[in-house]
Amino acid sequence: MLVTVYVAVGGALGSALRYSLNAWLTPLIGDALPWGTILINIAGSFVIGLFTALFAGAGASTPIEMRQFVLVGLCGGFTTFSSFSLQTLTLLDAGEPGRAVLNIALSMTLCLIAVALGTIVPGAVAALSRSVGA
């Protein structure tokens, strides 16, 4: 149960950091592309890789709460792309390039479709409720 608290606190901090950093970066670098998000995803991927290596070097001496706070909470709240990147690298390191490519293809394709569907659903529900109520 204590690990869940650490993950929740880390997630809150990561989310607040993502929001603040994006709000600061966007006026500086523009919004022709979501540069703030891209940079945050890159930074989060770097941080999850760095801490994974650091924690592996420290072995069992790193408390599980600390590992979960950083890797799941902080990095997960800051960017889930960091988890995706770590998982893809893990597949590559395990000698599974096909699964790594499939992970990339499925994640990118299905997440883009999900975002598109998420933007369509409210309008579809409103149109349906208008036609039922008419």
C-alpha atoms as a PDB file:
ATOM      1  CA  MET A   1       0.000   0.000   0.000  1.00  0.00           C
ATOM      2  CA  LEU A   2       2.850   2.405   0.764  1.00  0.00           C
ATOM      3  CA  VAL A   3       4.219   1.911  -2.762  1.00  0.00           C
ATOM      4  CA  THR A   4       0.886   3.135  -4.150  1.00  0.00           C
ATOM      5  CA  VAL A   5       1.234   6.355  -2.154  1.00  0.00           C
ATOM      6  CA  TYR A   6       4.741   6.901  -3.521  1.00  0.00           C
ATOM      7  CA  VAL A   7       3.508   6.292  -7.078  1.00  0.00           C
ATOM      8  CA  ALA A   8       0.601   8.710  -6.558  1.00  0.00           C
ATOM      9  CA  VAL A   9       2.839  11.459  -5.171  1.00  0.00           C
ATOM     10  CA  GLY A  10       5.380  10.931  -7.958  1.00  0.00           C
ATOM     11  CA  GLY A  11       2.604  10.983 -10.552  1.00  0.00           C
ATOM     12  CA  ALA A  12       1.209  14.237  -9.195  1.00  0.00           C
ATOM     13  CA  LEU A  13       4.642  15.841  -9.228  1.00  0.00           C
ATOM     14  CA  GLY A  14       5.377  14.553 -12.735  1.00  0.00           C
ATOM     15  CA  SER A  15       2.061  15.819 -14.069  1.00  0.00           C
ATOM     16  CA  ALA A  16       2.495  19.234 -12.491  1.00  0.00           C
ATOM     17  CA  LEU A  17       6.028  19.434 -13.867  1.00  0.00           C
ATOM     18  CA  ARG A  18       4.845  18.451 -17.361  1.00  0.00           C
ATOM     19  CA  TYR A  19       2.108  21.081 -17.316  1.00  0.00           C
ATOM     20  CA  SER A  20       4.392  23.821 -16.009  1.00  0.00           C
ATOM     21  CA  LEU A  21       7.250  23.034 -18.366  1.00  0.00           C
ATOM     22  CA  ASN A  22       4.953  22.873 -21.377  1.00  0.00           C
ATOM     23  CA  ALA A  23       3.315  26.175 -20.422  1.00  0.00           C
ATOM     24  CA  TRP A  24       6.768  27.761 -20.132  1.00  0.00           C
ATOM     25  CA  LEU A  25       8.210  26.231 -23.319  1.00  0.00           C
ATOM     26  CA  THR A  26       5.350  26.825 -25.755  1.00  0.00           C
ATOM     27  CA  PRO A  27       5.630  30.636 -25.866  1.00  0.00           C
ATOM     28  CA  LEU A  28       9.409  30.339 -26.213  1.00  0.00           C
ATOM     29  CA  ILE A  29       9.545  27.840 -29.059  1.00  0.00           C
ATOM     30  CA  GLY A  30       6.149  28.208 -30.705  1.00  0.00           C
ATOM     31  CA  ASP A  31       3.432  25.714 -31.430  1.00  0.00           C
ATOM     32  CA  ALA A  32       3.933  24.815 -35.092  1.00  0.00           C
ATOM     33  CA  LEU A  33       4.594  21.353 -33.700  1.00  0.00           C
ATOM     34  CA  PRO A  34       3.929  20.263 -30.113  1.00  0.00           C
ATOM     35  CA  TRP A  35       7.566  20.992 -29.274  1.00  0.00           C
ATOM     36  CA  GLY A  36       6.930  21.200 -25.550  1.00  0.00           C
ATOM     37  CA  THR A  37       5.442  17.714 -25.562  1.00  0.00           C
ATOM     38  CA  ILE A  38       8.170  16.368 -27.839  1.00  0.00           C
ATOM     39  CA  LEU A  39      10.897  17.777 -25.586  1.00  0.00           C
ATOM     40  CA  ILE A  40       9.113  16.529 -22.468  1.00  0.00           C
ATOM     41  CA  ASN A  41       8.804  13.046 -23.991  1.00  0.00           C
ATOM     42  CA  ILE A  42      12.491  13.060 -24.876  1.00  0.00           C
ATOM     43  CA  ALA A  43      13.449  14.284 -21.391  1.00  0.00           C
ATOM     44  CA  GLY A  44      11.185  11.742 -19.711  1.00  0.00           C
ATOM     45  CA  SER A  45      12.624   8.950 -21.841  1.00  0.00           C
ATOM     46  CA  PHE A  46      16.117  10.024 -20.864  1.00  0.00           C
ATOM     47  CA  VAL A  47      15.220  10.206 -17.159  1.00  0.00           C
ATOM     48  CA  ILE A  48      13.558   6.771 -17.076  1.00  0.00           C
ATOM     49  CA  GLY A  49      16.560   5.275 -18.851  1.00  0.00           C
ATOM     50  CA  LEU A  50      18.994   7.032 -16.535  1.00  0.00           C
ATOM     51  CA  PHE A  51      17.246   5.973 -13.355  1.00  0.00           C
ATOM     52  CA  THR A  52      16.705   2.422 -14.594  1.00  0.00           C
ATOM     53  CA  ALA A  53      20.463   2.156 -15.099  1.00  0.00           C
ATOM     54  CA  LEU A  54      21.227   3.845 -11.779  1.00  0.00           C
ATOM     55  CA  PHE A  55      18.836   1.609  -9.886  1.00  0.00           C
ATOM     56  CA  ALA A  56      20.213  -1.492 -11.620  1.00  0.00           C
ATOM     57  CA  GLY A  57      23.728  -0.456 -10.592  1.00  0.00           C
ATOM     58  CA  ALA A  58      22.606   0.014  -7.000  1.00  0.00           C
ATOM     59  CA  GLY A  59      20.987  -3.413  -7.071  1.00  0.00           C
ATOM     60  CA  ALA A  60      18.716  -4.418  -4.252  1.00  0.00           C
ATOM     61  CA  SER A  61      19.906  -1.515  -2.101  1.00  0.00           C
ATOM     62  CA  THR A  62      17.440   0.862  -3.788  1.00  0.00           C
ATOM     63  CA  PRO A  63      14.116   0.644  -1.945  1.00  0.00           C
ATOM     64  CA  ILE A  64      11.165  -0.439  -4.087  1.00  0.00           C
ATOM     65  CA  GLU A  65       9.308   2.722  -3.026  1.00  0.00           C
ATOM     66  CA  MET A  66      12.078   4.900  -4.515  1.00  0.00           C
ATOM     67  CA  ARG A  67      12.160   2.937  -7.782  1.00  0.00           C
ATOM     68  CA  GLN A  68       8.387   3.056  -8.156  1.00  0.00           C
ATOM     69  CA  PHE A  69       8.241   6.741  -7.145  1.00  0.00           C
ATOM     70  CA  VAL A  70      10.666   7.697  -9.919  1.00  0.00           C
ATOM     71  CA  LEU A  71       9.960   5.155 -12.674  1.00  0.00           C
ATOM     72  CA  VAL A  72       6.195   4.703 -12.399  1.00  0.00           C
ATOM     73  CA  GLY A  73       5.076   7.851 -10.600  1.00  0.00           C
ATOM     74  CA  LEU A  74       7.331  10.730 -11.597  1.00  0.00           C
ATOM     75  CA  CYS A  75       8.186   9.527 -15.112  1.00  0.00           C
ATOM     76  CA  GLY A  76       4.706   8.158 -15.693  1.00  0.00           C
ATOM     77  CA  GLY A  77       3.119  11.443 -14.667  1.00  0.00           C
ATOM     78  CA  PHE A  78       5.676  13.446 -16.612  1.00  0.00           C
ATOM     79  CA  THR A  79       5.295  11.338 -19.749  1.00  0.00           C
ATOM     80  CA  THR A  80       4.043   7.861 -20.488  1.00  0.00           C
ATOM     81  CA  PHE A  81       6.237   7.974 -23.567  1.00  0.00           C
ATOM     82  CA  SER A  82       9.182   7.262 -21.302  1.00  0.00           C
ATOM     83  CA  SER A  83       7.621   3.942 -20.259  1.00  0.00           C
ATOM     84  CA  PHE A  84       6.867   3.099 -23.888  1.00  0.00           C
ATOM     85  CA  SER A  85      10.461   3.894 -24.855  1.00  0.00           C
ATOM     86  CA  LEU A  86      11.895   1.785 -22.031  1.00  0.00           C
ATOM     87  CA  GLN A  87       9.662  -1.144 -22.903  1.00  0.00           C
ATOM     88  CA  THR A  88      10.671  -0.919 -26.569  1.00  0.00           C
ATOM     89  CA  LEU A  89      14.356  -0.816 -25.637  1.00  0.00           C
ATOM     90  CA  THR A  90      13.851  -3.780 -23.317  1.00  0.00           C
ATOM     91  CA  LEU A  91      12.388  -5.776 -26.224  1.00  0.00           C
ATOM     92  CA  LEU A  92      15.350  -4.811 -28.416  1.00  0.00           C
ATOM     93  CA  ASP A  93      17.831  -5.735 -25.680  1.00  0.00           C
ATOM     94  CA  ALA A  94      16.065  -9.082 -25.292  1.00  0.00           C
ATOM     95  CA  GLY A  95      16.707  -9.831 -28.968  1.00  0.00           C
ATOM     96  CA  GLU A  96      13.090  -9.237 -29.971  1.00  0.00           C
ATOM     97  CA  PRO A  97      13.332  -6.616 -32.757  1.00  0.00           C
ATOM     98  CA  GLY A  98      10.095  -7.794 -34.363  1.00  0.00           C
ATOM     99  CA  ARG A  99       8.174  -7.345 -31.136  1.00  0.00           C
ATOM    100  CA  ALA A 100       9.831  -3.957 -30.602  1.00  0.00           C
ATOM    101  CA  VAL A 101       8.753  -2.761 -34.049  1.00  0.00           C
ATOM    102  CA  LEU A 102       5.273  -4.164 -33.455  1.00  0.00           C
ATOM    103  CA  ASN A 103       5.131  -2.310 -30.131  1.00  0.00           C
ATOM    104  CA  ILE A 104       6.052   0.921 -31.911  1.00  0.00           C
ATOM    105  CA  ALA A 105       3.605   0.378 -34.775  1.00  0.00           C
ATOM    106  CA  LEU A 106       0.699  -0.662 -32.570  1.00  0.00           C
ATOM    107  CA  SER A 107       1.286   2.062 -29.995  1.00  0.00           C
ATOM    108  CA  MET A 108       1.577   4.843 -32.540  1.00  0.00           C
ATOM    109  CA  THR A 109      -1.247   3.666 -34.785  1.00  0.00           C
ATOM    110  CA  LEU A 110      -3.730   2.652 -32.129  1.00  0.00           C
ATOM    111  CA  CYS A 111      -3.070   5.686 -29.938  1.00  0.00           C
ATOM    112  CA  LEU A 112      -3.573   8.021 -32.902  1.00  0.00           C
ATOM    113  CA  ILE A 113      -6.808   6.211 -33.756  1.00  0.00           C
ATOM    114  CA  ALA A 114      -7.910   6.400 -30.107  1.00  0.00           C
ATOM    115  CA  VAL A 115      -7.243  10.142 -30.006  1.00  0.00           C
ATOM    116  CA  ALA A 116      -9.188  10.586 -33.237  1.00  0.00           C
ATOM    117  CA  LEU A 117     -12.080   8.523 -31.897  1.00  0.00           C
ATOM    118  CA  GLY A 118     -11.998  10.459 -28.642  1.00  0.00           C
ATOM    119  CA  THR A 119     -12.448  13.684 -30.577  1.00  0.00           C
ATOM    120  CA  ILE A 120     -15.335  12.230 -32.627  1.00  0.00           C
ATOM    121  CA  VAL A 121     -17.374  10.598 -29.844  1.00  0.00           C
ATOM    122  CA  PRO A 122     -18.763  13.771 -28.186  1.00  0.00           C
ATOM    123  CA  GLY A 123     -20.131  15.062 -31.504  1.00  0.00           C
ATOM    124  CA  ALA A 124     -21.559  11.663 -32.367  1.00  0.00           C
ATOM    125  CA  VAL A 125     -23.258  11.360 -28.981  1.00  0.00           C
ATOM    126  CA  ALA A 126     -24.693  14.881 -29.313  1.00  0.00           C
ATOM    127  CA  ALA A 127     -25.975  14.130 -32.824  1.00  0.00           C
ATOM    128  CA  LEU A 128     -27.511  10.857 -31.639  1.00  0.00           C
ATOM    129  CA  SER A 129     -29.218  12.517 -28.688  1.00  0.00           C
ATOM    130  CA  ARG A 130     -30.615  15.239 -31.014  1.00  0.00           C
ATOM    131  CA  SER A 131     -31.983  12.650 -33.437  1.00  0.00           C
ATOM    132  CA  VAL A 132     -33.523  10.564 -30.624  1.00  0.00           C
ATOM    133  CA  GLY A 133     -35.030  13.650 -29.015  1.00  0.00           C
ATOM    134  CA  ALA A 134     -36.438  14.980 -32.319  1.00  0.00           C
END
